[in-house]
């Protein structure tokens, strides 16, 4: 007979956790503060570590046996700083980051969220806070253990073993990891992998941020004012703690957790606009080679390095190869962060004139001949990358992924010839990100009435004197209709179904298509709707950019982590009451907040 087990809520964390030396009734540095609270059903003491307080880990022993669903309650205040607490079972190799969602969901409440299901036999529950990172709060009020029946355990294990649901692609912007948590040891970096436990994530792509290898302009990190505290941590952490040895260790840990591991790189991340500019996020290669920059049609250099030059291609390829050699299953070319890649550099002009007998600088960048030649040169780069990876790692051992733009046309416009890359077997995955970029020309720049050729002098005057940006860029939308090119012809699929169908043609050549869902933060209902819309349009895989900021938000993650269940998704509820709930606070820290909330002493 199955043992009769009851739900257990451990609400007096301040009174039960050990060691006691790490807990105080006050807000002391290096200790957790024990804060009394009360809801309509529960009284207890929360553990709180605010701002730049980094106490040591504490734990409690719930003395449970068998399988349980584990939930945690986190204090959620609308005016609170980011609240992120680290939690794990004692046998787990790393922590998971947990953050309540306060925007539109909880205010003066305890937000309870599902964490994992686990066999609690012999397990303690460990609570911690990141040892570094931007100042934030960590506030946890209770841990709830809900017993699972034998049938539920078997169903859970079967679901975890079902590989068909592994259809999500997660990309971690590693700048964010430095800024939020500032991991300094390989073991601390493991946390970012542990976050994806018991999810439908198939691929985890971690960004190699080593290209920001330059020193701050003052040559003194302590005498430089950063626009954000997290940027200071990122700038220091890249050089100190983001190493190839760390990546090698991280790949091994990811494989142990059943993830496919990819290393990504921003193809155009050579600099940033003020105030996030070259005074600290610098790339040494770019600084040392101004002669390799892209050049506009009027001869003016722009803030990008051109892939027309073999030096640029070698630099980028070498970084990809060194990343791949750490054991990654794939490398990802991120084409959606930084453009252009080729403009009107002299080698391009010379090749174009030889090919077509006319000057490309007098043509718009969306002229088909300009697009075709640009795609040819970028395809040469991908071929070179494929050959270099094969030589260093073995024939086709390391796959190549391409994060492209919103439509096939948007991608080709920037030199991303996805169809050719797929046909030639150069890439094994495409991730379409909702971003559209266009050159904006007005009627004053043309040489002739039929808008075939540009007057370069008029063009120069136009972009200098225009009261609008001359390059259109929009991103993070759900859908955009066709957009007119420079000659007034609409370009792009008419609706989402047509867009998905266009991309899915690539799968004929063995290239898996992932479609991105943005923006980063949405309700569980909206995540479900967006995923179903893509599935119903014919897509079978989904991607999430900046997933490091989504996975910690456990309420929304309760839906995102299950979105690979394509066949069952339509029957899922939004999870409220099952995976998360908000419980109103009646009192906190001895103050009654059930009616009139004490506000700033007023």
Protein backbone atom coordinates (compact mmCIF):
# COMPACT_ATOMS: atom_id res chain seq x y z
CA UNK A 1 0.00 0.00 0.00
CA UNK A 2 1.30 3.44 -0.90
CA UNK A 3 2.47 5.45 2.11
CA UNK A 4 -0.02 8.15 3.09
CA UNK A 5 1.81 11.44 2.80
CA UNK A 6 0.54 14.95 3.36
CA UNK A 7 1.37 18.34 1.94
CA UNK A 8 4.05 20.13 3.93
CA UNK A 9 4.58 23.88 4.09
CA UNK A 10 7.79 25.07 5.70
CA UNK A 11 6.92 28.68 6.47
CA UNK A 12 9.21 29.52 9.40
CA UNK A 13 12.39 29.70 7.35
CA UNK A 14 13.96 32.26 9.65
CA UNK A 15 13.45 29.96 12.61
CA UNK A 16 14.30 26.60 11.05
CA UNK A 17 17.22 27.16 8.71
CA UNK A 18 20.78 26.38 9.70
CA UNK A 19 23.40 27.42 10.53
CA UNK A 20 21.87 29.90 12.95
CA UNK A 21 24.96 32.10 12.77
CA UNK A 22 23.93 33.05 9.23
CA UNK A 23 20.53 34.41 10.32
CA UNK A 24 19.68 37.58 12.25
CA UNK A 25 16.47 39.37 13.31
CA UNK A 26 18.01 42.51 11.80
CA UNK A 27 19.39 43.55 8.41
CA UNK A 28 22.99 42.79 9.09
CA UNK A 29 25.59 42.33 6.40
CA UNK A 30 26.61 38.73 5.70
CA UNK A 31 23.46 37.38 7.36
CA UNK A 32 19.91 36.64 6.30
CA UNK A 33 17.27 38.78 8.03
CA UNK A 34 14.38 36.82 9.54
CA UNK A 35 11.22 38.80 8.72
CA UNK A 36 7.81 37.80 10.19
CA UNK A 37 4.82 37.77 7.84
CA UNK A 38 1.20 36.68 7.80
CA UNK A 39 -1.35 35.78 5.15
CA UNK A 40 -4.92 34.61 5.64
CA UNK A 41 -3.69 31.00 5.86
CA UNK A 42 -0.01 31.08 6.82
CA UNK A 43 2.18 32.72 9.43
CA UNK A 44 5.93 32.45 9.37
CA UNK A 45 9.26 34.15 8.93
CA UNK A 46 10.84 34.92 5.58
CA UNK A 47 14.52 35.04 4.78
CA UNK A 48 15.57 38.37 3.27
CA UNK A 49 18.93 39.62 1.98
CA UNK A 50 18.66 43.06 0.41
CA UNK A 51 20.77 44.96 -2.07
CA UNK A 52 24.53 44.35 -1.71
CA UNK A 53 24.20 41.93 1.22
CA UNK A 54 25.54 38.49 0.30
CA UNK A 55 24.98 36.06 3.20
CA UNK A 56 26.20 32.48 3.27
CA UNK A 57 23.91 29.65 2.23
CA UNK A 58 21.45 28.17 4.72
CA UNK A 59 19.34 25.01 4.61
CA UNK A 60 16.65 23.04 6.39
CA UNK A 61 15.81 19.35 6.53
CA UNK A 62 12.10 18.69 5.82
CA UNK A 63 12.64 15.01 6.73
CA UNK A 64 10.60 13.77 3.78
CA UNK A 65 10.67 10.53 1.84
CA UNK A 66 9.45 9.92 -1.69
CA UNK A 67 8.50 12.19 -4.56
CA UNK A 68 7.10 15.70 -4.18
CA UNK A 69 6.26 18.69 -6.30
CA UNK A 70 8.23 21.59 -4.86
CA UNK A 71 6.96 25.17 -4.75
CA UNK A 72 8.58 28.26 -3.28
CA UNK A 73 6.93 31.46 -2.07
CA UNK A 74 8.71 34.75 -2.74
CA UNK A 75 7.86 38.17 -1.35
CA UNK A 76 6.77 40.38 -4.23
CA UNK A 77 6.57 44.16 -3.88
CA UNK A 78 5.86 46.47 -6.79
CA UNK A 79 8.57 48.92 -5.67
CA UNK A 80 11.17 46.29 -4.80
CA UNK A 81 14.47 45.94 -6.57
CA UNK A 82 14.93 42.81 -8.61
CA UNK A 83 14.28 39.89 -6.26
CA UNK A 84 16.34 36.82 -7.12
CA UNK A 85 16.90 33.96 -4.70
CA UNK A 86 19.02 30.86 -5.37
CA UNK A 87 17.54 27.51 -4.35
CA UNK A 88 18.45 23.86 -4.73
CA UNK A 89 18.25 20.44 -3.16
CA UNK A 90 21.33 19.35 -1.24
CA UNK A 91 22.23 16.71 -3.85
CA UNK A 92 21.85 19.09 -6.80
CA UNK A 93 25.16 20.17 -8.40
CA UNK A 94 24.09 23.81 -8.84
CA UNK A 95 21.53 26.42 -7.86
CA UNK A 96 18.49 27.63 -9.78
CA UNK A 97 17.68 31.36 -9.98
CA UNK A 98 14.14 32.31 -8.97
CA UNK A 99 12.46 35.68 -9.41
CA UNK A 100 8.81 36.65 -8.87
CA UNK A 101 6.98 38.58 -11.54
CA UNK A 102 5.70 41.83 -10.02
CA UNK A 103 4.59 43.66 -13.17
CA UNK A 104 0.84 43.28 -13.45
CA UNK A 105 0.66 40.17 -11.29
CA UNK A 106 1.63 40.68 -7.67
CA UNK A 107 1.94 43.64 -5.34
CA UNK A 108 2.27 43.28 -1.59
CA UNK A 109 1.88 39.57 -2.00
CA UNK A 110 3.70 36.29 -1.83
CA UNK A 111 4.06 34.77 -5.26
CA UNK A 112 4.26 31.01 -5.06
CA UNK A 113 5.80 29.27 -8.06
CA UNK A 114 6.52 25.70 -9.06
CA UNK A 115 10.19 24.75 -9.00
CA UNK A 116 10.76 21.06 -9.78
CA UNK A 117 9.54 17.58 -8.92
CA UNK A 118 11.99 15.40 -7.02
CA UNK A 119 12.53 12.44 -4.70
CA UNK A 120 13.04 14.16 -1.35
CA UNK A 121 14.45 11.12 0.42
CA UNK A 122 17.53 12.27 2.31
CA UNK A 123 17.37 15.76 0.82
CA UNK A 124 17.81 19.11 2.48
CA UNK A 125 16.59 22.33 0.90
CA UNK A 126 19.32 24.93 0.37
CA UNK A 127 18.76 28.69 0.08
CA UNK A 128 21.38 31.12 -1.19
CA UNK A 129 22.05 34.37 -2.98
CA UNK A 130 24.49 35.09 -5.78
CA UNK A 131 27.85 36.05 -4.31
CA UNK A 132 28.16 39.03 -6.65
CA UNK A 133 26.22 40.80 -9.36
CA UNK A 134 24.21 44.01 -9.45
CA UNK A 135 22.58 44.93 -6.13
CA UNK A 136 19.31 43.04 -5.75
CA UNK A 137 17.03 41.54 -3.15
CA UNK A 138 16.53 37.89 -2.25
CA UNK A 139 13.29 37.26 -0.34
CA UNK A 140 11.85 33.78 0.19
CA UNK A 141 8.91 33.17 2.50
CA UNK A 142 8.10 29.47 2.33
CA UNK A 143 8.69 26.15 0.62
CA UNK A 144 5.72 23.89 -0.09
CA UNK A 145 6.05 20.16 -0.76
CA UNK A 146 3.10 18.45 -2.46
CA UNK A 147 3.26 14.62 -2.43
CA UNK A 148 3.05 12.80 -5.75
CA UNK A 149 1.22 9.52 -6.19
CA UNK A 150 2.93 6.54 -7.81
CA UNK A 151 0.96 7.24 -10.97
CA UNK A 152 2.03 10.88 -11.00
CA UNK A 153 5.67 9.91 -10.53
CA UNK A 154 5.56 7.44 -13.41
CA UNK A 155 3.84 9.99 -15.64
CA UNK A 156 6.44 12.61 -14.72
CA UNK A 157 9.35 10.27 -15.46
CA UNK A 158 7.81 9.26 -18.79
CA UNK A 159 7.32 12.91 -19.74
CA UNK A 160 10.94 13.74 -18.88
CA UNK A 161 12.16 10.84 -21.01
CA UNK A 162 10.06 11.89 -24.02
CA UNK A 163 12.53 13.41 -26.47
CA UNK A 164 9.92 14.57 -29.00
CA UNK A 165 9.06 17.50 -26.72
CA UNK A 166 12.63 18.80 -26.75
CA UNK A 167 12.03 21.49 -29.35
CA UNK A 168 13.03 24.77 -27.64
CA UNK A 169 16.17 26.81 -28.36
CA UNK A 170 17.49 28.98 -25.51
CA UNK A 171 20.18 31.62 -26.05
CA UNK A 172 21.93 33.20 -23.06
CA UNK A 173 23.37 36.67 -23.45
CA UNK A 174 26.40 36.17 -21.22
CA UNK A 175 26.76 39.89 -20.56
CA UNK A 176 23.61 39.52 -18.49
CA UNK A 177 25.05 36.62 -16.50
CA UNK A 178 28.01 38.78 -15.45
CA UNK A 179 25.82 41.74 -14.57
CA UNK A 180 23.19 39.82 -12.62
CA UNK A 181 25.24 37.16 -10.84
CA UNK A 182 28.95 37.77 -11.50
CA UNK A 183 29.97 34.09 -11.38
CA UNK A 184 33.68 33.71 -10.61
CA UNK A 185 34.21 29.94 -10.52
CA UNK A 186 33.28 27.16 -12.96
CA UNK A 187 30.87 25.76 -10.35
CA UNK A 188 29.03 29.08 -10.11
CA UNK A 189 28.69 29.13 -13.91
CA UNK A 190 26.88 25.77 -13.63
CA UNK A 191 23.86 27.64 -12.24
CA UNK A 192 22.97 28.96 -15.69
CA UNK A 193 22.64 25.38 -16.97
CA UNK A 194 20.82 24.09 -13.89
CA UNK A 195 18.10 26.70 -14.51
CA UNK A 196 16.88 24.63 -17.47
CA UNK A 197 16.22 21.50 -15.43
CA UNK A 198 12.97 19.69 -16.25
CA UNK A 199 12.18 21.84 -19.28
CA UNK A 200 11.59 21.29 -23.00
CA UNK A 201 14.85 23.06 -23.91
CA UNK A 202 16.81 21.10 -26.51
CA UNK A 203 19.62 23.57 -27.29
CA UNK A 204 21.36 25.97 -24.92
CA UNK A 205 23.43 28.55 -26.78
CA UNK A 206 25.84 30.57 -24.65
CA UNK A 207 27.35 33.69 -26.11
CA UNK A 208 31.12 34.04 -26.31
CA UNK A 209 31.66 37.61 -25.16
CA UNK A 210 35.45 37.51 -25.33
CA UNK A 211 35.43 39.82 -28.35
CA UNK A 212 35.02 42.68 -25.85
CA UNK A 213 38.66 42.34 -24.92
CA UNK A 214 39.79 45.95 -24.70
CA UNK A 215 40.62 47.96 -21.60
CA UNK A 216 38.55 50.97 -20.46
CA UNK A 217 39.76 54.20 -21.99
CA UNK A 218 41.16 55.44 -18.66
CA UNK A 219 43.15 52.20 -18.33
CA UNK A 220 41.92 52.10 -14.74
CA UNK A 221 38.70 50.20 -13.97
CA UNK A 222 38.41 51.94 -10.61
CA UNK A 223 38.50 55.36 -12.27
CA UNK A 224 35.81 54.96 -14.88
CA UNK A 225 32.10 55.79 -14.60
CA UNK A 226 29.91 53.11 -16.18
CA UNK A 227 26.33 53.85 -17.27
CA UNK A 228 25.14 50.74 -15.40
CA UNK A 229 26.59 48.85 -12.46
CA UNK A 230 26.14 45.59 -14.34
CA UNK A 231 28.33 46.89 -17.17
CA UNK A 232 31.20 47.36 -14.75
CA UNK A 233 30.82 43.77 -13.55
CA UNK A 234 30.59 42.53 -17.12
CA UNK A 235 33.67 44.42 -18.22
CA UNK A 236 35.68 43.05 -15.30
CA UNK A 237 34.23 39.55 -15.43
CA UNK A 238 34.94 38.93 -19.10
CA UNK A 239 38.67 39.23 -18.61
CA UNK A 240 38.85 37.58 -15.20
CA UNK A 241 36.36 34.74 -15.21
CA UNK A 242 35.05 34.14 -18.75
CA UNK A 243 37.65 31.73 -20.06
CA UNK A 244 37.84 28.88 -22.54
CA UNK A 245 38.58 26.57 -19.62
CA UNK A 246 35.30 27.68 -18.02
CA UNK A 247 33.43 27.08 -21.27
CA UNK A 248 34.94 23.61 -21.59
CA UNK A 249 33.72 22.77 -18.10
CA UNK A 250 30.31 24.31 -18.79
CA UNK A 251 29.84 22.18 -21.92
CA UNK A 252 30.57 19.01 -19.98
CA UNK A 253 28.03 19.99 -17.32
CA UNK A 254 25.43 20.83 -19.97
CA UNK A 255 25.90 17.44 -21.56
CA UNK A 256 25.47 15.79 -18.16
CA UNK A 257 22.14 17.60 -17.87
CA UNK A 258 21.03 16.30 -21.28
CA UNK A 259 21.37 19.58 -23.19
CA UNK A 260 22.87 20.15 -26.61
CA UNK A 261 25.41 22.94 -26.18
CA UNK A 262 26.11 25.72 -28.67
CA UNK A 263 28.48 28.69 -28.52
CA UNK A 264 27.22 31.86 -30.19
CA UNK A 265 28.86 35.07 -31.34
CA UNK A 266 27.52 38.43 -32.45
CA UNK A 267 28.65 38.82 -36.04
CA UNK A 268 28.66 42.61 -35.91
CA UNK A 269 29.45 43.43 -32.26
CA UNK A 270 32.35 45.81 -32.87
CA UNK A 271 31.17 48.71 -30.77
CA UNK A 272 28.20 50.34 -29.08
CA UNK A 273 26.50 53.71 -29.18
CA UNK A 274 26.94 56.29 -26.42
CA UNK A 275 26.70 55.84 -23.48
CA UNK A 276 27.41 52.12 -24.03
CA UNK A 277 30.30 53.08 -26.29
CA UNK A 278 33.87 52.23 -27.09
CA UNK A 279 35.13 53.71 -23.85
CA UNK A 280 34.69 50.30 -22.24
CA UNK A 281 32.95 47.70 -24.45
CA UNK A 282 35.87 47.70 -26.86
CA UNK A 283 37.17 45.20 -29.37
CA UNK A 284 40.94 45.33 -29.85
CA UNK A 285 40.79 44.00 -33.42
CA UNK A 286 38.42 46.79 -34.47
CA UNK A 287 40.53 49.45 -32.78
CA UNK A 288 43.71 48.22 -34.44
CA UNK A 289 42.22 47.92 -37.95
CA UNK A 290 40.30 51.03 -38.99
CA UNK A 291 41.16 50.16 -42.60
CA UNK A 292 38.80 47.14 -42.39
CA UNK A 293 35.65 49.12 -41.68
CA UNK A 294 32.56 49.12 -43.86
CA UNK A 295 32.28 52.16 -46.13
CA UNK A 296 29.08 53.83 -47.29
CA UNK A 297 28.52 54.75 -50.94
CA UNK A 298 29.83 58.30 -50.42
CA UNK A 299 33.13 57.02 -49.00
CA UNK A 300 32.33 57.63 -45.32
CA UNK A 301 33.36 54.75 -42.98
CA UNK A 302 30.67 53.40 -40.64
CA UNK A 303 30.92 51.72 -37.24
CA UNK A 304 31.28 48.14 -38.47
CA UNK A 305 34.04 45.86 -39.70
CA UNK A 306 33.59 44.43 -43.19
CA UNK A 307 33.53 40.74 -44.05
CA UNK A 308 34.94 41.65 -47.46
CA UNK A 309 38.39 41.48 -45.91
CA UNK A 310 40.14 38.14 -45.27
CA UNK A 311 41.56 39.54 -42.01
CA UNK A 312 38.05 40.03 -40.62
CA UNK A 313 36.89 36.59 -41.70
CA UNK A 314 39.97 34.93 -40.19
CA UNK A 315 39.54 36.77 -36.90
CA UNK A 316 35.90 35.71 -36.56
CA UNK A 317 36.54 32.15 -37.72
CA UNK A 318 39.42 31.69 -35.30
CA UNK A 319 37.19 32.67 -32.41
CA UNK A 320 34.47 30.27 -33.53
CA UNK A 321 36.98 27.44 -33.92
CA UNK A 322 38.51 27.99 -30.51
CA UNK A 323 35.02 27.95 -28.99
CA UNK A 324 34.09 24.77 -30.86
CA UNK A 325 37.21 23.05 -29.60
CA UNK A 326 35.85 23.29 -26.05
CA UNK A 327 33.40 20.51 -26.94
CA UNK A 328 30.41 22.47 -28.16
CA UNK A 329 27.96 20.66 -30.43
CA UNK A 330 27.45 23.76 -32.58
CA UNK A 331 28.39 27.39 -33.09
CA UNK A 332 25.78 30.06 -33.73
CA UNK A 333 26.27 33.07 -36.01
CA UNK A 334 24.18 35.87 -34.49
CA UNK A 335 23.40 38.17 -37.42
CA UNK A 336 20.77 40.15 -35.51
CA UNK A 337 23.15 42.13 -33.29
CA UNK A 338 25.09 44.63 -35.37
CA UNK A 339 24.93 45.52 -39.07
CA UNK A 340 26.11 45.96 -41.75
CA UNK A 341 28.53 43.22 -42.71
CA UNK A 342 29.33 44.46 -46.22
CA UNK A 343 28.58 47.84 -47.77
CA UNK A 344 30.57 49.54 -50.56
CA UNK A 345 34.17 48.79 -49.62
CA UNK A 346 36.60 49.01 -52.55
CA UNK A 347 36.95 45.22 -52.92
CA UNK A 348 33.16 44.97 -53.24
CA UNK A 349 32.99 47.87 -55.72
CA UNK A 350 35.74 46.36 -57.85
CA UNK A 351 34.11 42.91 -57.88
CA UNK A 352 30.71 44.39 -58.72
CA UNK A 353 32.03 46.44 -61.62
CA UNK A 354 33.84 43.38 -62.97
CA UNK A 355 30.67 41.28 -62.66
CA UNK A 356 28.01 43.75 -63.85
CA UNK A 357 29.85 46.61 -65.53
CA UNK A 358 28.37 49.37 -63.39
CA UNK A 359 29.10 51.11 -60.08
CA UNK A 360 27.14 49.57 -57.15
CA UNK A 361 27.37 52.81 -55.19
CA UNK A 362 24.76 54.30 -57.53
CA UNK A 363 22.33 51.50 -56.67
CA UNK A 364 20.19 51.05 -53.54
CA UNK A 365 21.30 48.23 -51.26
CA UNK A 366 18.08 46.38 -52.06
CA UNK A 367 18.97 46.18 -55.76
CA UNK A 368 18.95 42.47 -56.56
CA UNK A 369 22.42 42.56 -58.09
CA UNK A 370 23.84 44.17 -54.93
CA UNK A 371 22.05 41.62 -52.76
CA UNK A 372 23.26 38.70 -54.87
CA UNK A 373 26.93 39.67 -54.75
CA UNK A 374 26.78 40.45 -51.04
CA UNK A 375 25.24 37.01 -50.43
CA UNK A 376 27.98 35.39 -52.51
CA UNK A 377 30.73 36.90 -50.36
CA UNK A 378 28.97 36.05 -47.09
CA UNK A 379 28.45 32.51 -48.37
CA UNK A 380 32.20 32.30 -48.97
CA UNK A 381 32.66 33.23 -45.31
CA UNK A 382 30.32 30.45 -44.14
CA UNK A 383 32.13 27.96 -46.40
CA UNK A 384 35.44 29.04 -44.86
CA UNK A 385 33.96 28.62 -41.39
CA UNK A 386 32.67 25.16 -42.27
CA UNK A 387 36.10 24.11 -43.59
CA UNK A 388 37.92 25.49 -40.53
CA UNK A 389 35.59 23.69 -38.13
CA UNK A 390 36.00 20.43 -40.06
CA UNK A 391 39.77 20.72 -39.93
CA UNK A 392 39.90 21.51 -36.21
CA UNK A 393 37.10 19.32 -34.86
CA UNK A 394 36.41 16.65 -37.47
CA UNK A 395 34.18 16.49 -40.53
CA UNK A 396 30.75 17.95 -39.66
CA UNK A 397 31.31 17.23 -35.96
CA UNK A 398 30.47 20.81 -35.01
CA UNK A 399 27.25 22.14 -36.52
CA UNK A 400 26.69 25.72 -37.66
CA UNK A 401 23.52 27.62 -36.71
CA UNK A 402 22.43 30.96 -38.18
CA UNK A 403 20.32 33.46 -36.24
CA UNK A 404 18.79 35.50 -39.05
CA UNK A 405 16.20 38.22 -39.52
CA UNK A 406 12.40 38.18 -39.68
CA UNK A 407 11.91 36.90 -43.23
CA UNK A 408 14.03 35.27 -45.90
CA UNK A 409 14.04 38.61 -47.75
CA UNK A 410 15.12 40.57 -44.66
CA UNK A 411 17.98 38.10 -44.23
CA UNK A 412 19.14 38.12 -47.88
CA UNK A 413 19.18 41.93 -47.82
CA UNK A 414 22.04 41.71 -45.31
CA UNK A 415 23.90 38.90 -47.07
CA UNK A 416 22.36 35.93 -45.25
CA UNK A 417 21.63 33.51 -48.09
CA UNK A 418 19.91 30.88 -45.95
CA UNK A 419 18.64 28.80 -48.87
CA UNK A 420 22.10 28.39 -50.37
CA UNK A 421 23.60 27.63 -46.96
CA UNK A 422 20.97 24.96 -46.36
CA UNK A 423 21.29 23.43 -49.83
CA UNK A 424 25.06 23.16 -49.46
CA UNK A 425 24.74 21.60 -46.01
CA UNK A 426 26.66 24.47 -44.42
CA UNK A 427 24.13 25.03 -41.64
CA UNK A 428 21.96 22.66 -39.63
CA UNK A 429 19.68 25.19 -37.91
CA UNK A 430 18.15 28.60 -38.63
CA UNK A 431 16.70 30.81 -35.91
CA UNK A 432 14.47 33.57 -37.26
CA UNK A 433 14.43 36.63 -35.00
CA UNK A 434 11.81 39.42 -35.37
CA UNK A 435 14.04 42.19 -36.69
CA UNK A 436 13.77 44.21 -39.89
CA UNK A 437 16.37 46.63 -41.25
CA UNK A 438 16.02 48.86 -44.31
CA UNK A 439 17.92 51.64 -46.01
CA UNK A 440 15.58 54.64 -46.14
CA UNK A 441 15.84 56.77 -49.29
CA UNK A 442 13.67 59.70 -50.26
CA UNK A 443 12.87 61.27 -53.61
CA UNK A 444 15.75 63.75 -53.44
CA UNK A 445 18.56 61.18 -53.86
CA UNK A 446 17.77 59.83 -57.33
CA UNK A 447 19.57 60.62 -60.57
CA UNK A 448 16.60 59.73 -62.69
CA UNK A 449 12.80 59.70 -62.52
CA UNK A 450 12.52 55.91 -62.63
CA UNK A 451 14.53 55.61 -59.38
CA UNK A 452 17.18 53.34 -60.84
CA UNK A 453 20.35 55.23 -59.92
CA UNK A 454 21.39 57.30 -56.93
CA UNK A 455 23.21 60.60 -57.18
CA UNK A 456 25.97 60.14 -54.61
CA UNK A 457 26.32 63.86 -53.90
CA UNK A 458 22.58 64.20 -53.33
CA UNK A 459 22.68 61.10 -51.15
CA UNK A 460 25.42 62.63 -48.99
CA UNK A 461 23.40 65.82 -48.51
CA UNK A 462 20.27 63.79 -47.75
CA UNK A 463 21.67 61.71 -44.92
CA UNK A 464 23.48 64.71 -43.42
CA UNK A 465 20.44 66.99 -43.50
CA UNK A 466 17.53 64.59 -43.04
CA UNK A 467 15.54 65.10 -39.85
CA UNK A 468 14.92 61.34 -39.66
CA UNK A 469 17.14 58.30 -39.33
CA UNK A 470 18.19 57.04 -42.74
CA UNK A 471 18.33 53.40 -41.64
CA UNK A 472 15.10 51.84 -40.41
CA UNK A 473 15.40 49.22 -37.64
CA UNK A 474 12.58 47.59 -35.74
CA UNK A 475 12.58 44.43 -33.65
CA UNK A 476 10.77 42.33 -31.05
CA UNK A 477 7.37 42.42 -32.77
CA UNK A 478 5.01 39.53 -33.49
CA UNK A 479 4.38 40.17 -37.19
CA UNK A 480 5.05 42.91 -39.74
CA UNK A 481 3.34 43.04 -43.14
CA UNK A 482 5.32 43.42 -46.37
CA UNK A 483 7.40 46.59 -46.56
CA UNK A 484 8.09 48.55 -49.74
CA UNK A 485 11.62 48.50 -51.07
CA UNK A 486 13.40 51.55 -52.45
CA UNK A 487 11.42 51.33 -55.69
CA UNK A 488 8.03 50.98 -54.01
CA UNK A 489 7.64 47.20 -54.42
CA UNK A 490 6.28 45.36 -51.31
CA UNK A 491 8.74 42.73 -50.09
CA UNK A 492 8.05 39.87 -47.70
CA UNK A 493 5.28 37.35 -46.95
CA UNK A 494 1.75 38.63 -46.52
CA UNK A 495 0.98 36.88 -43.24
CA UNK A 496 2.45 34.63 -40.57
CA UNK A 497 1.38 31.44 -42.34
CA UNK A 498 3.24 32.48 -45.48
CA UNK A 499 6.31 33.49 -43.48
CA UNK A 500 6.46 30.17 -41.66
CA UNK A 501 5.94 28.23 -44.89
CA UNK A 502 8.79 30.15 -46.51
CA UNK A 503 11.20 29.23 -43.71
CA UNK A 504 10.01 25.63 -43.44
CA UNK A 505 11.20 25.04 -47.01
CA UNK A 506 14.71 24.95 -45.54
CA UNK A 507 13.89 21.74 -43.68
CA UNK A 508 13.91 19.89 -47.02
CA UNK A 509 17.69 20.18 -46.83
CA UNK A 510 18.06 18.98 -43.25
CA UNK A 511 18.05 22.43 -41.66
CA UNK A 512 15.89 22.72 -38.54
CA UNK A 513 13.90 25.97 -38.33
CA UNK A 514 13.34 27.72 -34.99
CA UNK A 515 11.11 30.80 -34.85
CA UNK A 516 11.71 33.35 -32.11
CA UNK A 517 9.07 34.58 -29.67
CA UNK A 518 9.61 38.13 -28.44
CA UNK A 519 9.34 40.32 -26.40
CA UNK A 520 11.10 38.77 -23.44
CA UNK A 521 8.35 39.09 -20.85
CA UNK A 522 4.74 38.08 -21.41
CA UNK A 523 1.96 36.40 -19.48
CA UNK A 524 1.65 32.59 -19.57
CA UNK A 525 -1.52 33.01 -21.63
CA UNK A 526 0.30 35.13 -24.22
CA UNK A 527 3.22 32.71 -24.43
CA UNK A 528 0.79 29.86 -25.05
CA UNK A 529 -1.10 31.81 -27.72
CA UNK A 530 2.05 32.84 -29.54
CA UNK A 531 3.44 29.28 -29.52
CA UNK A 532 0.15 27.80 -30.74
CA UNK A 533 -0.04 30.35 -33.55
CA UNK A 534 3.42 29.32 -34.76
CA UNK A 535 2.67 25.61 -34.47
CA UNK A 536 -0.63 26.06 -36.30
CA UNK A 537 1.23 27.90 -39.06
CA UNK A 538 3.48 24.89 -39.61
CA UNK A 539 6.46 25.62 -37.36
CA UNK A 540 7.67 22.81 -35.09
CA UNK A 541 10.50 24.46 -33.10
CA UNK A 542 10.65 27.68 -31.06
CA UNK A 543 13.49 29.92 -29.89
CA UNK A 544 13.91 32.33 -26.98
CA UNK A 545 16.54 35.08 -27.03
CA UNK A 546 17.90 36.32 -23.67
CA UNK A 547 16.46 33.25 -21.99
CA UNK A 548 18.58 33.87 -18.90
CA UNK A 549 16.10 36.65 -18.04
CA UNK A 550 13.05 34.46 -18.67
CA UNK A 551 14.01 31.24 -16.91
CA UNK A 552 14.43 32.89 -13.50
CA UNK A 553 10.94 34.40 -13.74
CA UNK A 554 9.39 31.16 -12.59
CA UNK A 555 5.77 32.19 -13.07
CA UNK A 556 6.18 32.83 -16.79
CA UNK A 557 8.73 30.02 -17.08
CA UNK A 558 6.04 27.63 -15.81
CA UNK A 559 4.51 27.99 -19.28
CA UNK A 560 7.63 28.59 -21.38
CA UNK A 561 9.38 25.44 -20.14
CA UNK A 562 6.41 23.33 -21.39
CA UNK A 563 5.99 24.94 -24.82
CA UNK A 564 7.76 22.03 -26.50
CA UNK A 565 4.66 19.92 -25.82
CA UNK A 566 3.28 20.83 -29.23
CA UNK A 567 0.59 18.15 -29.32
CA UNK A 568 -0.75 18.79 -25.82
CA UNK A 569 -0.30 22.56 -25.61
CA UNK A 570 -3.82 23.49 -26.68
CA UNK A 571 -5.23 21.69 -23.63
CA UNK A 572 -2.86 23.33 -21.13
CA UNK A 573 -4.32 25.87 -18.72
CA UNK A 574 -2.34 29.03 -18.07
CA UNK A 575 -1.04 27.33 -14.92
CA UNK A 576 -2.64 29.63 -12.35
CA UNK A 577 -3.41 27.57 -9.26
CA UNK A 578 -1.39 24.67 -10.63
CA UNK A 579 2.06 26.19 -11.19
CA UNK A 580 1.74 29.58 -9.55
CA UNK A 581 -0.51 31.65 -7.32
CA UNK A 582 -0.41 35.04 -5.59
CA UNK A 583 -1.24 35.16 -1.88
CA UNK A 584 -2.07 38.55 -0.38
CA UNK A 585 -0.02 39.68 2.59
CA UNK A 586 -1.83 40.75 5.76
CA UNK A 587 1.24 41.73 7.70
CA UNK A 588 4.96 42.02 7.06
CA UNK A 589 7.76 42.81 9.51
CA UNK A 590 5.17 43.51 12.22
CA UNK A 591 3.18 46.04 10.17
CA UNK A 592 -0.46 45.53 9.20
CA UNK A 593 -0.69 45.94 5.41
CA UNK A 594 -4.14 44.39 5.00
CA UNK A 595 -5.96 47.72 4.69
CA UNK A 596 -3.97 50.95 4.64
CA UNK A 597 -0.43 50.30 3.49
CA UNK A 598 2.17 52.33 5.38
CA UNK A 599 3.72 54.43 2.65
CA UNK A 600 6.90 56.47 3.12
CA UNK A 601 5.82 57.54 6.60
CA UNK A 602 2.82 59.35 5.17
